[in-house]
Amino acid sequence: QGNGALARSLFNESVSLNATALGFRNLAVTSASPQDAYAHYTKAWTLAGDYYLKRVPNSDRLLSNLGAEIAYFLQSYGETMMDELVTFLNQSLPEIVLKRDQILSAKAAVAVYQKKYDVAFKILTTNCFPTYGSDRATLIDLWWQGHYNQEAEKLGRPLSIFEAHQVRMQYPVPENIGFPY
């Protein structure tokens, strides 16, 4: 499992000597809480954006990968970090970041959370998500959650097991997210 405290200590020393996006990203990954991790990710994101604007070599790849990682991290905490995810996605993200599967998935999750189901369904049906492989369950869960919530709102109450089954029959999972490549 390793020595997380030692790793954090060394990364803290590293960023005190030379603050870099990768140093703060590593602090985020080794953080003890999601709030601490997000604070470090925010610093990493700011520095990576500066590199990108200055056209530092390979900064586009760093920004793209870091943006995808931050979106995936925030989405993995569900409603606990949803406000942070909304804030992150509402930034003016560079085109290279917007095309990432994790960003698209996060946008769909936010749309379901904000009850903008048509937006979520459009994202989920019109994109390929080639990097999701075995994590397609996340996309499928978003699909069902959106449809269940939408139907429950129409009825004004939670769905019964039978009604949930009817929703699944009426709105089958689209092939682009339901079948691994």
C-alpha atoms as a PDB file:
ATOM      1  CA  GLN A   1       0.000   0.000   0.000  1.00  0.00           C
ATOM      2  CA  GLY A   2       2.924   2.326   0.501  1.00  0.00           C
ATOM      3  CA  ASN A   3       3.573   5.197   2.829  1.00  0.00           C
ATOM      4  CA  GLY A   4       1.058   7.933   1.964  1.00  0.00           C
ATOM      5  CA  ALA A   5       2.243  10.311   4.688  1.00  0.00           C
ATOM      6  CA  LEU A   6       5.825  10.157   3.409  1.00  0.00           C
ATOM      7  CA  ALA A   7       4.662  10.655  -0.186  1.00  0.00           C
ATOM      8  CA  ARG A   8       2.587  13.708   0.811  1.00  0.00           C
ATOM      9  CA  SER A   9       5.510  15.097   2.773  1.00  0.00           C
ATOM     10  CA  LEU A  10       7.867  14.734  -0.174  1.00  0.00           C
ATOM     11  CA  PHE A  11       5.359  16.225  -2.624  1.00  0.00           C
ATOM     12  CA  ASN A  12       4.795  19.169  -0.251  1.00  0.00           C
ATOM     13  CA  GLU A  13       8.542  19.725  -0.111  1.00  0.00           C
ATOM     14  CA  SER A  14       8.707  19.495  -3.897  1.00  0.00           C
ATOM     15  CA  VAL A  15       5.998  22.116  -4.506  1.00  0.00           C
ATOM     16  CA  SER A  16       7.551  24.406  -1.886  1.00  0.00           C
ATOM     17  CA  LEU A  17      10.761  24.348  -3.937  1.00  0.00           C
ATOM     18  CA  ASN A  18       9.072  24.568  -7.333  1.00  0.00           C
ATOM     19  CA  ALA A  19       5.270  24.731  -7.610  1.00  0.00           C
ATOM     20  CA  THR A  20       4.244  22.670 -10.638  1.00  0.00           C
ATOM     21  CA  ALA A  21       0.959  21.336 -11.943  1.00  0.00           C
ATOM     22  CA  LEU A  22       2.219  17.751 -11.586  1.00  0.00           C
ATOM     23  CA  GLY A  23       3.348  18.369  -8.017  1.00  0.00           C
ATOM     24  CA  PHE A  24      -0.086  19.641  -7.005  1.00  0.00           C
ATOM     25  CA  ARG A  25      -1.753  16.827  -8.955  1.00  0.00           C
ATOM     26  CA  ASN A  26       0.304  14.313  -6.987  1.00  0.00           C
ATOM     27  CA  LEU A  27      -0.733  16.012  -3.747  1.00  0.00           C
ATOM     28  CA  ALA A  28      -4.355  15.693  -4.884  1.00  0.00           C
ATOM     29  CA  VAL A  29      -3.973  11.981  -5.550  1.00  0.00           C
ATOM     30  CA  THR A  30      -2.394  11.373  -2.144  1.00  0.00           C
ATOM     31  CA  SER A  31      -4.783  13.621  -0.178  1.00  0.00           C
ATOM     32  CA  ALA A  32      -6.667  12.243   2.792  1.00  0.00           C
ATOM     33  CA  SER A  33      -9.982  13.932   1.945  1.00  0.00           C
ATOM     34  CA  PRO A  34     -11.854  14.866  -1.232  1.00  0.00           C
ATOM     35  CA  GLN A  35     -11.887  18.522  -0.164  1.00  0.00           C
ATOM     36  CA  ASP A  36      -8.092  18.598   0.222  1.00  0.00           C
ATOM     37  CA  ALA A  37      -7.714  16.752  -3.072  1.00  0.00           C
ATOM     38  CA  TYR A  38      -9.929  19.269  -4.840  1.00  0.00           C
ATOM     39  CA  ALA A  39      -7.937  22.185  -3.398  1.00  0.00           C
ATOM     40  CA  HIS A  40      -4.742  20.655  -4.821  1.00  0.00           C
ATOM     41  CA  TYR A  41      -6.428  19.831  -8.133  1.00  0.00           C
ATOM     42  CA  THR A  42      -7.529  23.473  -8.378  1.00  0.00           C
ATOM     43  CA  LYS A  43      -3.930  24.657  -7.987  1.00  0.00           C
ATOM     44  CA  ALA A  44      -2.739  22.074 -10.524  1.00  0.00           C
ATOM     45  CA  TRP A  45      -5.455  23.150 -12.979  1.00  0.00           C
ATOM     46  CA  THR A  46      -4.495  26.826 -12.668  1.00  0.00           C
ATOM     47  CA  LEU A  47      -0.820  26.075 -13.300  1.00  0.00           C
ATOM     48  CA  ALA A  48      -1.603  23.738 -16.211  1.00  0.00           C
ATOM     49  CA  GLY A  49      -3.758  26.474 -17.743  1.00  0.00           C
ATOM     50  CA  ASP A  50      -0.866  28.920 -17.427  1.00  0.00           C
ATOM     51  CA  TYR A  51       1.440  26.442 -19.188  1.00  0.00           C
ATOM     52  CA  TYR A  52      -1.136  26.014 -21.941  1.00  0.00           C
ATOM     53  CA  LEU A  53      -1.505  29.763 -22.477  1.00  0.00           C
ATOM     54  CA  LYS A  54       2.288  30.113 -22.631  1.00  0.00           C
ATOM     55  CA  ARG A  55       2.405  27.240 -25.144  1.00  0.00           C
ATOM     56  CA  VAL A  56       4.786  25.184 -23.028  1.00  0.00           C
ATOM     57  CA  PRO A  57       5.600  21.939 -24.916  1.00  0.00           C
ATOM     58  CA  ASN A  58       3.102  19.139 -24.179  1.00  0.00           C
ATOM     59  CA  SER A  59       0.967  21.436 -22.025  1.00  0.00           C
ATOM     60  CA  ASP A  60      -2.044  20.599 -24.190  1.00  0.00           C
ATOM     61  CA  ARG A  61      -1.738  16.925 -23.234  1.00  0.00           C
ATOM     62  CA  LEU A  62      -1.231  17.815 -19.558  1.00  0.00           C
ATOM     63  CA  LEU A  63      -4.274  20.091 -19.550  1.00  0.00           C
ATOM     64  CA  SER A  64      -6.428  17.523 -21.354  1.00  0.00           C
ATOM     65  CA  ASN A  65      -5.430  14.668 -19.043  1.00  0.00           C
ATOM     66  CA  LEU A  66      -5.711  16.760 -15.899  1.00  0.00           C
ATOM     67  CA  GLY A  67      -9.137  18.095 -16.896  1.00  0.00           C
ATOM     68  CA  ALA A  68     -10.382  14.565 -17.518  1.00  0.00           C
ATOM     69  CA  GLU A  69      -8.935  13.371 -14.199  1.00  0.00           C
ATOM     70  CA  ILE A  70     -10.518  16.215 -12.241  1.00  0.00           C
ATOM     71  CA  ALA A  71     -13.917  15.624 -13.851  1.00  0.00           C
ATOM     72  CA  TYR A  72     -13.716  11.878 -13.154  1.00  0.00           C
ATOM     73  CA  PHE A  73     -12.628  12.514  -9.555  1.00  0.00           C
ATOM     74  CA  LEU A  74     -15.455  14.963  -8.859  1.00  0.00           C
ATOM     75  CA  GLN A  75     -18.075  12.792 -10.592  1.00  0.00           C
ATOM     76  CA  SER A  76     -16.973   9.769  -8.543  1.00  0.00           C
ATOM     77  CA  TYR A  77     -18.101  11.559  -5.357  1.00  0.00           C
ATOM     78  CA  GLY A  78     -21.632  12.086  -6.710  1.00  0.00           C
ATOM     79  CA  GLU A  79     -23.729  14.719  -4.988  1.00  0.00           C
ATOM     80  CA  THR A  80     -21.032  15.285  -2.341  1.00  0.00           C
ATOM     81  CA  MET A  81     -18.856  17.163  -4.853  1.00  0.00           C
ATOM     82  CA  MET A  82     -21.552  18.111  -7.399  1.00  0.00           C
ATOM     83  CA  ASP A  83     -21.265  21.874  -6.781  1.00  0.00           C
ATOM     84  CA  GLU A  84     -17.510  21.680  -7.407  1.00  0.00           C
ATOM     85  CA  LEU A  85     -18.127  19.659 -10.570  1.00  0.00           C
ATOM     86  CA  VAL A  86     -20.628  22.243 -11.821  1.00  0.00           C
ATOM     87  CA  THR A  87     -18.128  25.026 -11.101  1.00  0.00           C
ATOM     88  CA  PHE A  88     -15.353  23.141 -12.892  1.00  0.00           C
ATOM     89  CA  LEU A  89     -17.461  22.424 -15.978  1.00  0.00           C
ATOM     90  CA  ASN A  90     -18.821  25.979 -16.143  1.00  0.00           C
ATOM     91  CA  GLN A  91     -15.339  27.336 -16.754  1.00  0.00           C
ATOM     92  CA  SER A  92     -14.275  28.202 -20.242  1.00  0.00           C
ATOM     93  CA  LEU A  93     -12.617  24.865 -20.984  1.00  0.00           C
ATOM     94  CA  PRO A  94     -10.297  24.572 -23.991  1.00  0.00           C
ATOM     95  CA  GLU A  95     -11.552  22.487 -26.920  1.00  0.00           C
ATOM     96  CA  ILE A  96      -8.913  19.831 -26.251  1.00  0.00           C
ATOM     97  CA  VAL A  97     -10.494  19.226 -22.827  1.00  0.00           C
ATOM     98  CA  LEU A  98     -14.130  19.384 -23.939  1.00  0.00           C
ATOM     99  CA  LYS A  99     -13.789  16.324 -26.170  1.00  0.00           C
ATOM    100  CA  ARG A 100     -12.654  13.979 -23.395  1.00  0.00           C
ATOM    101  CA  ASP A 101     -15.014  11.156 -22.428  1.00  0.00           C
ATOM    102  CA  GLN A 102     -14.729  11.995 -18.740  1.00  0.00           C
ATOM    103  CA  ILE A 103     -15.827  15.583 -19.399  1.00  0.00           C
ATOM    104  CA  LEU A 104     -18.804  14.406 -21.461  1.00  0.00           C
ATOM    105  CA  SER A 105     -19.789  11.898 -18.785  1.00  0.00           C
ATOM    106  CA  ALA A 106     -19.479  14.579 -16.093  1.00  0.00           C
ATOM    107  CA  LYS A 107     -21.645  16.941 -18.146  1.00  0.00           C
ATOM    108  CA  ALA A 108     -24.290  14.217 -18.424  1.00  0.00           C
ATOM    109  CA  ALA A 109     -24.123  13.621 -14.652  1.00  0.00           C
ATOM    110  CA  VAL A 110     -24.582  17.340 -13.983  1.00  0.00           C
ATOM    111  CA  ALA A 111     -27.498  17.470 -16.420  1.00  0.00           C
ATOM    112  CA  VAL A 112     -29.239  14.591 -14.606  1.00  0.00           C
ATOM    113  CA  TYR A 113     -28.531  16.259 -11.248  1.00  0.00           C
ATOM    114  CA  GLN A 114     -29.990  19.553 -12.543  1.00  0.00           C
ATOM    115  CA  LYS A 115     -32.998  17.717 -14.018  1.00  0.00           C
ATOM    116  CA  LYS A 116     -32.019  18.655 -17.577  1.00  0.00           C
ATOM    117  CA  TYR A 117     -32.729  15.154 -18.807  1.00  0.00           C
ATOM    118  CA  ASP A 118     -32.875  15.952 -22.522  1.00  0.00           C
ATOM    119  CA  VAL A 119     -29.350  17.407 -22.305  1.00  0.00           C
ATOM    120  CA  ALA A 120     -28.100  14.273 -20.523  1.00  0.00           C
ATOM    121  CA  PHE A 121     -29.766  11.930 -23.010  1.00  0.00           C
ATOM    122  CA  LYS A 122     -28.341  13.853 -25.959  1.00  0.00           C
ATOM    123  CA  ILE A 123     -24.815  13.623 -24.531  1.00  0.00           C
ATOM    124  CA  LEU A 124     -25.229   9.921 -23.831  1.00  0.00           C
ATOM    125  CA  THR A 125     -26.703   9.035 -27.237  1.00  0.00           C
ATOM    126  CA  THR A 126     -24.502  11.161 -29.502  1.00  0.00           C
ATOM    127  CA  ASN A 127     -21.042  10.322 -28.192  1.00  0.00           C
ATOM    128  CA  CYS A 128     -18.939   7.190 -28.482  1.00  0.00           C
ATOM    129  CA  PHE A 129     -17.006   7.095 -25.150  1.00  0.00           C
ATOM    130  CA  PRO A 130     -14.200   4.895 -26.514  1.00  0.00           C
ATOM    131  CA  THR A 131     -12.031   5.228 -23.398  1.00  0.00           C
ATOM    132  CA  TYR A 132     -14.688   3.963 -21.000  1.00  0.00           C
ATOM    133  CA  GLY A 133     -14.344   0.251 -21.795  1.00  0.00           C
ATOM    134  CA  SER A 134     -15.284  -1.626 -18.644  1.00  0.00           C
ATOM    135  CA  ASP A 135     -16.590   1.546 -16.957  1.00  0.00           C
ATOM    136  CA  ARG A 136     -19.647   1.699 -19.171  1.00  0.00           C
ATOM    137  CA  ALA A 137     -21.772   0.888 -16.135  1.00  0.00           C
ATOM    138  CA  THR A 138     -21.353   4.536 -15.124  1.00  0.00           C
ATOM    139  CA  LEU A 139     -22.875   5.684 -18.408  1.00  0.00           C
ATOM    140  CA  ILE A 140     -25.653   3.110 -18.216  1.00  0.00           C
ATOM    141  CA  ASP A 141     -26.439   4.174 -14.632  1.00  0.00           C
ATOM    142  CA  LEU A 142     -26.715   7.795 -15.797  1.00  0.00           C
ATOM    143  CA  TRP A 143     -29.072   6.700 -18.570  1.00  0.00           C
ATOM    144  CA  TRP A 144     -31.351   4.824 -16.162  1.00  0.00           C
ATOM    145  CA  GLN A 145     -31.146   7.427 -13.414  1.00  0.00           C
ATOM    146  CA  GLY A 146     -32.240  10.124 -15.849  1.00  0.00           C
ATOM    147  CA  HIS A 147     -35.175   8.104 -17.150  1.00  0.00           C
ATOM    148  CA  TYR A 148     -36.278   6.931 -13.694  1.00  0.00           C
ATOM    149  CA  ASN A 149     -36.114  10.465 -12.286  1.00  0.00           C
ATOM    150  CA  GLN A 150     -37.961  11.924 -15.268  1.00  0.00           C
ATOM    151  CA  GLU A 151     -40.770   9.379 -14.993  1.00  0.00           C
ATOM    152  CA  ALA A 152     -41.005   9.735 -11.194  1.00  0.00           C
ATOM    153  CA  GLU A 153     -41.354  13.509 -11.606  1.00  0.00           C
ATOM    154  CA  LYS A 154     -44.186  13.014 -14.095  1.00  0.00           C
ATOM    155  CA  LEU A 155     -45.981  10.700 -11.649  1.00  0.00           C
ATOM    156  CA  GLY A 156     -45.177  12.826  -8.606  1.00  0.00           C
ATOM    157  CA  ARG A 157     -43.901   9.826  -6.632  1.00  0.00           C
ATOM    158  CA  PRO A 158     -41.163   7.183  -6.653  1.00  0.00           C
ATOM    159  CA  LEU A 159     -41.492   4.420  -9.235  1.00  0.00           C
ATOM    160  CA  SER A 160     -42.634   0.956  -8.279  1.00  0.00           C
ATOM    161  CA  ILE A 161     -40.520  -2.011  -9.327  1.00  0.00           C
ATOM    162  CA  PHE A 162     -42.996  -2.707 -12.127  1.00  0.00           C
ATOM    163  CA  GLU A 163     -42.903   0.906 -13.346  1.00  0.00           C
ATOM    164  CA  ALA A 164     -39.092   0.905 -13.292  1.00  0.00           C
ATOM    165  CA  HIS A 165     -39.169  -2.237 -15.424  1.00  0.00           C
ATOM    166  CA  GLN A 166     -41.571  -0.526 -17.852  1.00  0.00           C
ATOM    167  CA  VAL A 167     -39.181   2.437 -18.109  1.00  0.00           C
ATOM    168  CA  ARG A 168     -36.302   0.056 -18.921  1.00  0.00           C
ATOM    169  CA  MET A 169     -38.387  -1.572 -21.638  1.00  0.00           C
ATOM    170  CA  GLN A 170     -39.496   1.779 -23.069  1.00  0.00           C
ATOM    171  CA  TYR A 171     -35.987   3.315 -23.067  1.00  0.00           C
ATOM    172  CA  PRO A 172     -33.410   0.615 -23.785  1.00  0.00           C
ATOM    173  CA  VAL A 173     -29.769   1.538 -23.284  1.00  0.00           C
ATOM    174  CA  PRO A 174     -28.365   2.955 -26.542  1.00  0.00           C
ATOM    175  CA  GLU A 175     -25.815   0.749 -28.272  1.00  0.00           C
ATOM    176  CA  ASN A 176     -23.103   3.407 -28.140  1.00  0.00           C
ATOM    177  CA  ILE A 177     -22.951   3.142 -24.320  1.00  0.00           C
ATOM    178  CA  GLY A 178     -24.383  -0.309 -23.700  1.00  0.00           C
ATOM    179  CA  PHE A 179     -21.968  -2.492 -25.595  1.00  0.00           C
ATOM    180  CA  PRO A 180     -18.195  -2.548 -24.970  1.00  0.00           C
ATOM    181  CA  TYR A 181     -15.963  -2.451 -28.012  1.00  0.00           C
END
